[in-house]
C-alpha atoms as a PDB file:
ATOM      1  CA  MET A   1      68.787 185.109  63.024  1.00  0.00           C
ATOM      2  CA  PRO A   2      72.527 184.532  63.586  1.00  0.00           C
ATOM      3  CA  GLU A   3      74.416 184.195  60.320  1.00  0.00           C
ATOM      4  CA  ALA A   4      75.677 180.619  59.944  1.00  0.00           C
ATOM      5  CA  GLY A   5      79.413 180.215  60.258  1.00  0.00           C
ATOM      6  CA  LEU A   6      80.271 183.549  61.879  1.00  0.00           C
ATOM      7  CA  PHE A   7      80.207 182.187  65.434  1.00  0.00           C
ATOM      8  CA  GLU A   8      78.989 179.228  67.428  1.00  0.00           C
ATOM      9  CA  THR A   9      75.968 179.348  69.698  1.00  0.00           C
ATOM     10  CA  CYS A  10      74.936 177.426  72.795  1.00  0.00           C
ATOM     11  CA  ALA A  11      71.224 176.768  73.330  1.00  0.00           C
ATOM     12  CA  ILE A  12      70.283 177.912  76.840  1.00  0.00           C
ATOM     13  CA  MET A  13      66.598 177.492  77.696  1.00  0.00           C
ATOM     14  CA  GLY A  14      65.931 177.750  73.962  1.00  0.00           C
ATOM     15  CA  VAL A  15      67.926 180.980  73.467  1.00  0.00           C
ATOM     16  CA  GLN A  16      70.806 180.713  71.000  1.00  0.00           C
ATOM     17  CA  VAL A  17      73.512 182.485  73.005  1.00  0.00           C
ATOM     18  CA  ALA A  18      76.709 183.380  71.147  1.00  0.00           C
ATOM     19  CA  VAL A  19      79.944 181.684  72.117  1.00  0.00           C
ATOM     20  CA  THR A  20      82.264 184.667  72.093  1.00  0.00           C
ATOM     21  CA  ASP A  21      84.382 187.077  74.116  1.00  0.00           C
ATOM     22  CA  MET A  22      84.850 190.844  74.020  1.00  0.00           C
ATOM     23  CA  ASP A  23      87.697 190.925  71.499  1.00  0.00           C
ATOM     24  CA  ARG A  24      85.945 188.477  69.193  1.00  0.00           C
ATOM     25  CA  THR A  25      82.724 190.491  69.387  1.00  0.00           C
ATOM     26  CA  LEU A  26      84.513 193.746  68.544  1.00  0.00           C
ATOM     27  CA  GLN A  27      86.206 192.092  65.577  1.00  0.00           C
ATOM     28  CA  LEU A  28      82.852 190.815  64.325  1.00  0.00           C
ATOM     29  CA  LEU A  29      81.425 194.322  64.607  1.00  0.00           C
ATOM     30  CA  GLN A  30      84.285 195.767  62.582  1.00  0.00           C
ATOM     31  CA  ASP A  31      84.006 193.073  59.920  1.00  0.00           C
ATOM     32  CA  HIS A  32      80.212 192.856  59.597  1.00  0.00           C
ATOM     33  CA  LEU A  33      78.706 196.176  60.651  1.00  0.00           C
ATOM     34  CA  GLU A  34      77.577 196.954  57.111  1.00  0.00           C
ATOM     35  CA  ASP A  35      75.831 193.580  56.851  1.00  0.00           C
ATOM     36  CA  TRP A  36      74.124 194.076  60.204  1.00  0.00           C
ATOM     37  CA  ARG A  37      72.613 197.502  59.602  1.00  0.00           C
ATOM     38  CA  GLY A  38      68.914 197.358  60.446  1.00  0.00           C
ATOM     39  CA  GLN A  39      69.413 194.279  62.630  1.00  0.00           C
ATOM     40  CA  TYR A  40      69.824 194.034  66.384  1.00  0.00           C
ATOM     41  CA  PHE A  41      71.876 192.483  69.179  1.00  0.00           C
ATOM     42  CA  CYS A  42      70.302 191.222  72.383  1.00  0.00           C
ATOM     43  CA  VAL A  43      72.330 191.283  75.583  1.00  0.00           C
ATOM     44  CA  ALA A  44      71.050 188.315  77.564  1.00  0.00           C
ATOM     45  CA  ASN A  45      71.134 187.549  81.265  1.00  0.00           C
ATOM     46  CA  VAL A  46      69.356 185.037  83.475  1.00  0.00           C
ATOM     47  CA  HIS A  47      66.236 187.217  83.699  1.00  0.00           C
ATOM     48  CA  THR A  48      65.811 187.634  79.938  1.00  0.00           C
ATOM     49  CA  THR A  49      66.638 183.985  79.268  1.00  0.00           C
ATOM     50  CA  VAL A  50      64.082 182.663  81.757  1.00  0.00           C
ATOM     51  CA  THR A  51      61.533 185.157  80.435  1.00  0.00           C
ATOM     52  CA  ALA A  52      62.138 183.866  76.900  1.00  0.00           C
ATOM     53  CA  HIS A  53      61.796 180.271  78.101  1.00  0.00           C
ATOM     54  CA  ARG A  54      58.345 181.123  79.451  1.00  0.00           C
ATOM     55  CA  ASP A  55      57.201 183.332  76.550  1.00  0.00           C
ATOM     56  CA  ALA A  56      57.366 181.957  73.003  1.00  0.00           C
ATOM     57  CA  GLY A  57      56.962 185.407  71.473  1.00  0.00           C
ATOM     58  CA  TYR A  58      59.882 186.812  73.413  1.00  0.00           C
ATOM     59  CA  LEU A  59      61.942 183.708  72.609  1.00  0.00           C
ATOM     60  CA  ALA A  60      61.381 184.446  68.919  1.00  0.00           C
ATOM     61  CA  VAL A  61      62.516 188.032  69.499  1.00  0.00           C
ATOM     62  CA  GLN A  62      65.715 186.833  71.191  1.00  0.00           C
ATOM     63  CA  ASN A  63      66.498 184.287  68.491  1.00  0.00           C
ATOM     64  CA  GLY A  64      65.701 186.821  65.765  1.00  0.00           C
ATOM     65  CA  ALA A  65      68.744 188.837  66.800  1.00  0.00           C
ATOM     66  CA  ALA A  66      71.901 188.878  64.724  1.00  0.00           C
ATOM     67  CA  MET A  67      73.694 188.003  67.948  1.00  0.00           C
ATOM     68  CA  VAL A  68      72.638 187.206  71.524  1.00  0.00           C
ATOM     69  CA  LEU A  69      75.496 188.164  73.811  1.00  0.00           C
ATOM     70  CA  PRO A  70      76.045 186.473  77.213  1.00  0.00           C
ATOM     71  CA  ASP A  71      75.787 189.505  79.499  1.00  0.00           C
ATOM     72  CA  GLY A  72      75.061 187.312  82.502  1.00  0.00           C
ATOM     73  CA  GLY A  73      78.012 185.358  83.846  1.00  0.00           C
ATOM     74  CA  PRO A  74      75.895 182.233  84.476  1.00  0.00           C
ATOM     75  CA  LEU A  75      75.187 182.029  80.727  1.00  0.00           C
ATOM     76  CA  SER A  76      78.828 181.949  79.656  1.00  0.00           C
ATOM     77  CA  ALA A  77      79.592 179.570  82.543  1.00  0.00           C
ATOM     78  CA  TYR A  78      76.829 177.248  81.319  1.00  0.00           C
ATOM     79  CA  SER A  79      78.302 177.341  77.818  1.00  0.00           C
ATOM     80  CA  ARG A  80      81.755 176.428  79.136  1.00  0.00           C
ATOM     81  CA  ARG A  81      80.311 173.464  81.039  1.00  0.00           C
ATOM     82  CA  HIS A  82      78.599 172.220  77.901  1.00  0.00           C
ATOM     83  CA  GLY A  83      81.423 172.011  75.408  1.00  0.00           C
ATOM     84  CA  PHE A  84      82.373 175.631  74.682  1.00  0.00           C
ATOM     85  CA  PRO A  85      85.510 176.346  76.733  1.00  0.00           C
ATOM     86  CA  ASP A  86      86.142 179.711  75.044  1.00  0.00           C
ATOM     87  CA  ALA A  87      82.793 181.249  76.031  1.00  0.00           C
ATOM     88  CA  ARG A  88      83.181 184.438  78.007  1.00  0.00           C
ATOM     89  CA  ARG A  89      80.877 187.116  79.368  1.00  0.00           C
ATOM     90  CA  VAL A  90      80.256 190.189  77.186  1.00  0.00           C
ATOM     91  CA  THR A  91      78.252 192.751  79.146  1.00  0.00           C
ATOM     92  CA  GLY A  92      76.229 195.519  77.566  1.00  0.00           C
ATOM     93  CA  PRO A  93      77.929 198.335  79.527  1.00  0.00           C
ATOM     94  CA  ASP A  94      81.404 196.996  78.757  1.00  0.00           C
ATOM     95  CA  LEU A  95      80.638 196.517  75.073  1.00  0.00           C
ATOM     96  CA  MET A  96      79.245 200.043  74.794  1.00  0.00           C
ATOM     97  CA  ARG A  97      82.385 201.454  76.389  1.00  0.00           C
ATOM     98  CA  ARG A  98      84.705 199.484  74.126  1.00  0.00           C
ATOM     99  CA  VAL A  99      82.814 200.493  70.982  1.00  0.00           C
ATOM    100  CA  LEU A 100      82.822 204.145  72.058  1.00  0.00           C
ATOM    101  CA  ALA A 101      86.546 203.952  72.773  1.00  0.00           C
ATOM    102  CA  GLU A 102      87.198 202.511  69.298  1.00  0.00           C
ATOM    103  CA  SER A 103      85.111 205.165  67.574  1.00  0.00           C
ATOM    104  CA  GLY A 104      87.835 207.782  67.371  1.00  0.00           C
ATOM    105  CA  ARG A 105      89.788 205.364  65.184  1.00  0.00           C
ATOM    106  CA  THR A 106      86.907 203.897  63.194  1.00  0.00           C
ATOM    107  CA  GLY A 107      84.732 207.002  62.814  1.00  0.00           C
ATOM    108  CA  TRP A 108      81.652 205.176  64.129  1.00  0.00           C
ATOM    109  CA  THR A 109      78.688 207.369  65.059  1.00  0.00           C
ATOM    110  CA  HIS A 110      76.139 206.805  67.813  1.00  0.00           C
ATOM    111  CA  TYR A 111      72.519 207.478  68.718  1.00  0.00           C
ATOM    112  CA  PHE A 112      71.105 206.838  72.210  1.00  0.00           C
ATOM    113  CA  TYR A 113      67.422 205.921  72.566  1.00  0.00           C
ATOM    114  CA  GLY A 114      65.967 205.520  76.044  1.00  0.00           C
ATOM    115  CA  GLY A 115      66.554 206.729  79.568  1.00  0.00           C
ATOM    116  CA  SER A 116      65.247 209.885  81.195  1.00  0.00           C
ATOM    117  CA  PRO A 117      66.092 213.392  79.920  1.00  0.00           C
ATOM    118  CA  GLU A 118      68.321 213.905  82.977  1.00  0.00           C
ATOM    119  CA  THR A 119      70.144 210.620  82.361  1.00  0.00           C
ATOM    120  CA  LEU A 120      70.788 211.588  78.745  1.00  0.00           C
ATOM    121  CA  ARG A 121      72.089 215.003  79.819  1.00  0.00           C
ATOM    122  CA  LEU A 122      74.526 213.381  82.238  1.00  0.00           C
ATOM    123  CA  LEU A 123      75.413 210.752  79.660  1.00  0.00           C
ATOM    124  CA  ALA A 124      76.227 213.387  77.028  1.00  0.00           C
ATOM    125  CA  ASP A 125      78.601 215.121  79.449  1.00  0.00           C
ATOM    126  CA  ARG A 126      80.331 211.865  80.395  1.00  0.00           C
ATOM    127  CA  LEU A 127      80.710 210.751  76.781  1.00  0.00           C
ATOM    128  CA  ALA A 128      82.271 214.060  75.748  1.00  0.00           C
ATOM    129  CA  GLU A 129      84.718 213.771  78.646  1.00  0.00           C
ATOM    130  CA  ARG A 130      85.632 210.096  78.332  1.00  0.00           C
ATOM    131  CA  TYR A 131      85.330 209.427  74.593  1.00  0.00           C
ATOM    132  CA  PRO A 132      86.195 212.659  72.754  1.00  0.00           C
ATOM    133  CA  GLY A 133      86.626 210.772  69.490  1.00  0.00           C
ATOM    134  CA  ALA A 134      83.126 209.266  69.569  1.00  0.00           C
ATOM    135  CA  ARG A 135      80.598 211.296  67.601  1.00  0.00           C
ATOM    136  CA  VAL A 136      77.091 211.296  69.084  1.00  0.00           C
ATOM    137  CA  VAL A 137      74.568 212.208  66.392  1.00  0.00           C
ATOM    138  CA  GLY A 138      71.436 212.095  68.536  1.00  0.00           C
ATOM    139  CA  MET A 139      69.724 211.252  71.805  1.00  0.00           C
ATOM    140  CA  LYS A 140      66.058 210.667  72.540  1.00  0.00           C
ATOM    141  CA  SER A 141      64.169 210.032  75.768  1.00  0.00           C
ATOM    142  CA  PRO A 142      60.821 208.528  74.737  1.00  0.00           C
ATOM    143  CA  PRO A 143      57.891 208.582  77.163  1.00  0.00           C
ATOM    144  CA  TYR A 144      57.465 205.511  79.357  1.00  0.00           C
ATOM    145  CA  ARG A 145      53.965 204.905  78.026  1.00  0.00           C
ATOM    146  CA  PRO A 146      53.398 203.168  74.657  1.00  0.00           C
ATOM    147  CA  LEU A 147      54.040 205.503  71.735  1.00  0.00           C
ATOM    148  CA  THR A 148      51.345 206.449  69.287  1.00  0.00           C
ATOM    149  CA  PRO A 149      52.029 205.445  65.661  1.00  0.00           C
ATOM    150  CA  GLU A 150      52.701 209.111  64.897  1.00  0.00           C
ATOM    151  CA  GLU A 151      55.218 209.431  67.723  1.00  0.00           C
ATOM    152  CA  ASP A 152      56.958 206.233  66.679  1.00  0.00           C
ATOM    153  CA  ALA A 153      57.181 207.413  63.072  1.00  0.00           C
ATOM    154  CA  ALA A 154      58.626 210.746  64.224  1.00  0.00           C
ATOM    155  CA  ASP A 155      61.290 208.983  66.310  1.00  0.00           C
ATOM    156  CA  LEU A 156      62.234 206.774  63.367  1.00  0.00           C
ATOM    157  CA  ALA A 157      62.459 209.783  61.078  1.00  0.00           C
ATOM    158  CA  GLU A 158      64.786 211.503  63.533  1.00  0.00           C
ATOM    159  CA  ILE A 159      67.012 208.432  63.848  1.00  0.00           C
ATOM    160  CA  ASN A 160      67.121 207.896  60.097  1.00  0.00           C
ATOM    161  CA  ALA A 161      67.992 211.537  59.462  1.00  0.00           C
ATOM    162  CA  ALA A 162      70.945 211.224  61.869  1.00  0.00           C
ATOM    163  CA  ARG A 163      72.167 208.019  60.135  1.00  0.00           C
ATOM    164  CA  PRO A 164      74.078 206.534  63.087  1.00  0.00           C
ATOM    165  CA  ASP A 165      76.222 203.438  62.832  1.00  0.00           C
ATOM    166  CA  PHE A 166      75.119 202.231  66.279  1.00  0.00           C
ATOM    167  CA  LEU A 167      71.705 202.741  67.841  1.00  0.00           C
ATOM    168  CA  TRP A 168      72.033 202.064  71.581  1.00  0.00           C
ATOM    169  CA  VAL A 169      68.642 201.175  73.053  1.00  0.00           C
ATOM    170  CA  GLY A 170      68.178 201.572  76.811  1.00  0.00           C
ATOM    171  CA  LEU A 171      64.512 200.822  77.433  1.00  0.00           C
ATOM    172  CA  GLY A 172      64.994 197.900  79.814  1.00  0.00           C
ATOM    173  CA  ALA A 173      64.146 194.262  79.182  1.00  0.00           C
ATOM    174  CA  PRO A 174      61.958 192.918  77.700  1.00  0.00           C
ATOM    175  CA  LYS A 175      60.724 196.228  76.258  1.00  0.00           C
ATOM    176  CA  GLN A 176      63.948 197.093  74.453  1.00  0.00           C
ATOM    177  CA  GLU A 177      64.210 193.737  72.687  1.00  0.00           C
ATOM    178  CA  ARG A 178      60.609 193.909  71.541  1.00  0.00           C
ATOM    179  CA  TRP A 179      61.188 197.474  70.325  1.00  0.00           C
ATOM    180  CA  MET A 180      64.239 196.447  68.317  1.00  0.00           C
ATOM    181  CA  ALA A 181      62.476 193.474  66.758  1.00  0.00           C
ATOM    182  CA  ALA A 182      59.535 195.676  65.769  1.00  0.00           C
ATOM    183  CA  HIS A 183      61.924 198.131  64.071  1.00  0.00           C
ATOM    184  CA  ARG A 184      64.143 195.593  62.368  1.00  0.00           C
ATOM    185  CA  GLY A 185      65.006 196.786  58.874  1.00  0.00           C
ATOM    186  CA  LYS A 186      63.612 200.269  59.544  1.00  0.00           C
ATOM    187  CA  VAL A 187      66.777 202.039  60.736  1.00  0.00           C
ATOM    188  CA  PRO A 188      70.219 202.478  59.140  1.00  0.00           C
ATOM    189  CA  ALA A 189      72.095 201.371  62.275  1.00  0.00           C
ATOM    190  CA  LEU A 190      72.876 198.219  64.185  1.00  0.00           C
ATOM    191  CA  MET A 191      70.606 198.280  67.248  1.00  0.00           C
ATOM    192  CA  LEU A 192      71.975 197.070  70.589  1.00  0.00           C
ATOM    193  CA  GLY A 193      69.744 196.691  73.647  1.00  0.00           C
ATOM    194  CA  VAL A 194      71.997 197.505  76.574  1.00  0.00           C
ATOM    195  CA  GLY A 195      69.597 197.892  79.512  1.00  0.00           C
ATOM    196  CA  ALA A 196      71.112 199.884  82.369  1.00  0.00           C
ATOM    197  CA  ALA A 197      74.267 200.852  80.454  1.00  0.00           C
ATOM    198  CA  PHE A 198      73.040 204.442  80.087  1.00  0.00           C
ATOM    199  CA  ASP A 199      72.651 204.745  83.866  1.00  0.00           C
ATOM    200  CA  TYR A 200      76.029 203.150  84.531  1.00  0.00           C
ATOM    201  CA  GLU A 201      77.826 205.449  82.118  1.00  0.00           C
ATOM    202  CA  ALA A 202      75.915 208.507  83.368  1.00  0.00           C
ATOM    203  CA  GLY A 203      76.897 207.686  86.954  1.00  0.00           C
ATOM    204  CA  ASN A 204      73.356 207.004  88.201  1.00  0.00           C
ATOM    205  CA  ILE A 205      74.188 203.401  89.152  1.00  0.00           C
ATOM    206  CA  ARG A 206      77.500 202.027  90.379  1.00  0.00           C
ATOM    207  CA  ARG A 207      78.943 198.863  88.849  1.00  0.00           C
ATOM    208  CA  ALA A 208      79.787 195.978  91.126  1.00  0.00           C
ATOM    209  CA  PRO A 209      83.450 195.618  92.101  1.00  0.00           C
ATOM    210  CA  ASP A 210      85.560 193.573  89.691  1.00  0.00           C
ATOM    211  CA  TRP A 211      85.782 190.628  92.075  1.00  0.00           C
ATOM    212  CA  MET A 212      81.996 190.370  92.229  1.00  0.00           C
ATOM    213  CA  GLN A 213      81.754 190.530  88.440  1.00  0.00           C
ATOM    214  CA  ARG A 214      84.366 187.766  88.085  1.00  0.00           C
ATOM    215  CA  HIS A 215      82.387 185.517  90.447  1.00  0.00           C
ATOM    216  CA  ASN A 216      78.993 186.127  88.769  1.00  0.00           C
ATOM    217  CA  LEU A 217      77.731 188.186  91.724  1.00  0.00           C
ATOM    218  CA  GLU A 218      76.861 191.416  89.958  1.00  0.00           C
ATOM    219  CA  TRP A 219      73.174 190.520  90.355  1.00  0.00           C
ATOM    220  CA  LEU A 220      73.661 190.510  94.144  1.00  0.00           C
ATOM    221  CA  TYR A 221      75.266 193.938  94.064  1.00  0.00           C
ATOM    222  CA  ARG A 222      72.345 195.329  92.077  1.00  0.00           C
ATOM    223  CA  LEU A 223      69.879 193.619  94.410  1.00  0.00           C
ATOM    224  CA  LEU A 224      71.471 195.323  97.411  1.00  0.00           C
ATOM    225  CA  GLN A 225      71.158 198.668  95.622  1.00  0.00           C
ATOM    226  CA  ASP A 226      67.473 198.235  94.721  1.00  0.00           C
ATOM    227  CA  PRO A 227      65.938 195.386  96.772  1.00  0.00           C
ATOM    228  CA  ALA A 228      62.324 196.534  96.547  1.00  0.00           C
ATOM    229  CA  ARG A 229      62.292 196.380  92.748  1.00  0.00           C
ATOM    230  CA  LEU A 230      64.621 193.459  92.120  1.00  0.00           C
ATOM    231  CA  PHE A 231      64.019 190.911  94.891  1.00  0.00           C
ATOM    232  CA  GLY A 232      60.951 189.311  93.334  1.00  0.00           C
ATOM    233  CA  ARG A 233      62.506 189.204  89.862  1.00  0.00           C
ATOM    234  CA  TYR A 234      65.796 187.703  90.974  1.00  0.00           C
ATOM    235  CA  PHE A 235      64.228 185.167  93.339  1.00  0.00           C
ATOM    236  CA  SER A 236      61.905 183.895  90.629  1.00  0.00           C
ATOM    237  CA  THR A 237      64.206 183.885  87.604  1.00  0.00           C
ATOM    238  CA  ASN A 238      67.461 182.914  89.322  1.00  0.00           C
ATOM    239  CA  LEU A 239      65.792 179.981  91.069  1.00  0.00           C
ATOM    240  CA  ARG A 240      64.169 178.881  87.820  1.00  0.00           C
ATOM    241  CA  PHE A 241      67.517 179.024  86.005  1.00  0.00           C
ATOM    242  CA  LEU A 242      69.281 177.034  88.721  1.00  0.00           C
ATOM    243  CA  LEU A 243      66.632 174.324  88.607  1.00  0.00           C
ATOM    244  CA  TRP A 244      66.698 174.162  84.811  1.00  0.00           C
ATOM    245  CA  SER A 245      70.492 174.074  84.575  1.00  0.00           C
ATOM    246  CA  ALA A 246      70.670 171.347  87.219  1.00  0.00           C
ATOM    247  CA  PHE A 247      67.740 169.185  86.139  1.00  0.00           C
ATOM    248  CA  GLY A 248      66.800 170.348  82.644  1.00  0.00           C
ATOM    249  CA  ARG A 249      63.322 171.484  83.700  1.00  0.00           C
END
């Protein structure tokens, strides 16, 4: 649960989304990382928010986070329209990049959990090139199927032995949020579910141009890249969000 007094939240479809911006979020991480070890951040967009609205268990997972960041531009825009003029978008890929860039100064260490073996190989090369001061203490590509209890225990043991400050989780939503909630208090790091950030940083997926990001159109750019997989999701959840934000239902 968000710690009272650290930041304001705006309730969006039942999800307590943080009212923040990138600089404020980075400052909170610097000030409270030790307090947040073993907890997790969710990075919310329209899809995850609508999913939480429909699924009470997933809503509890979202609201059990130390912070729910407004990755989706429509979420921060909703907050601004409802009394929080300082709300800004904080995307998972951008946050990961900023934290990695700060790590040479702070000494923060990182573990990456998720993605394919090839994605992690590319990611390791890119991180070494772009963030030479960031120390990566481990990477793991778990199988896409559910893990056995023995496999899960082995992964936890590996993470705990590495003792990272940040555990970046790239399993995709809603799997990554459920994974983090199930492992709350079991790892020495702050867990952050960042979705496609591994693929973006590895170069597997291109980010939308800045102008599309500024106008909340990154979803359209991704849809054009992968229409077969994303059309049904975006049509359903985006329409549901528009109806709810307009009519409260």
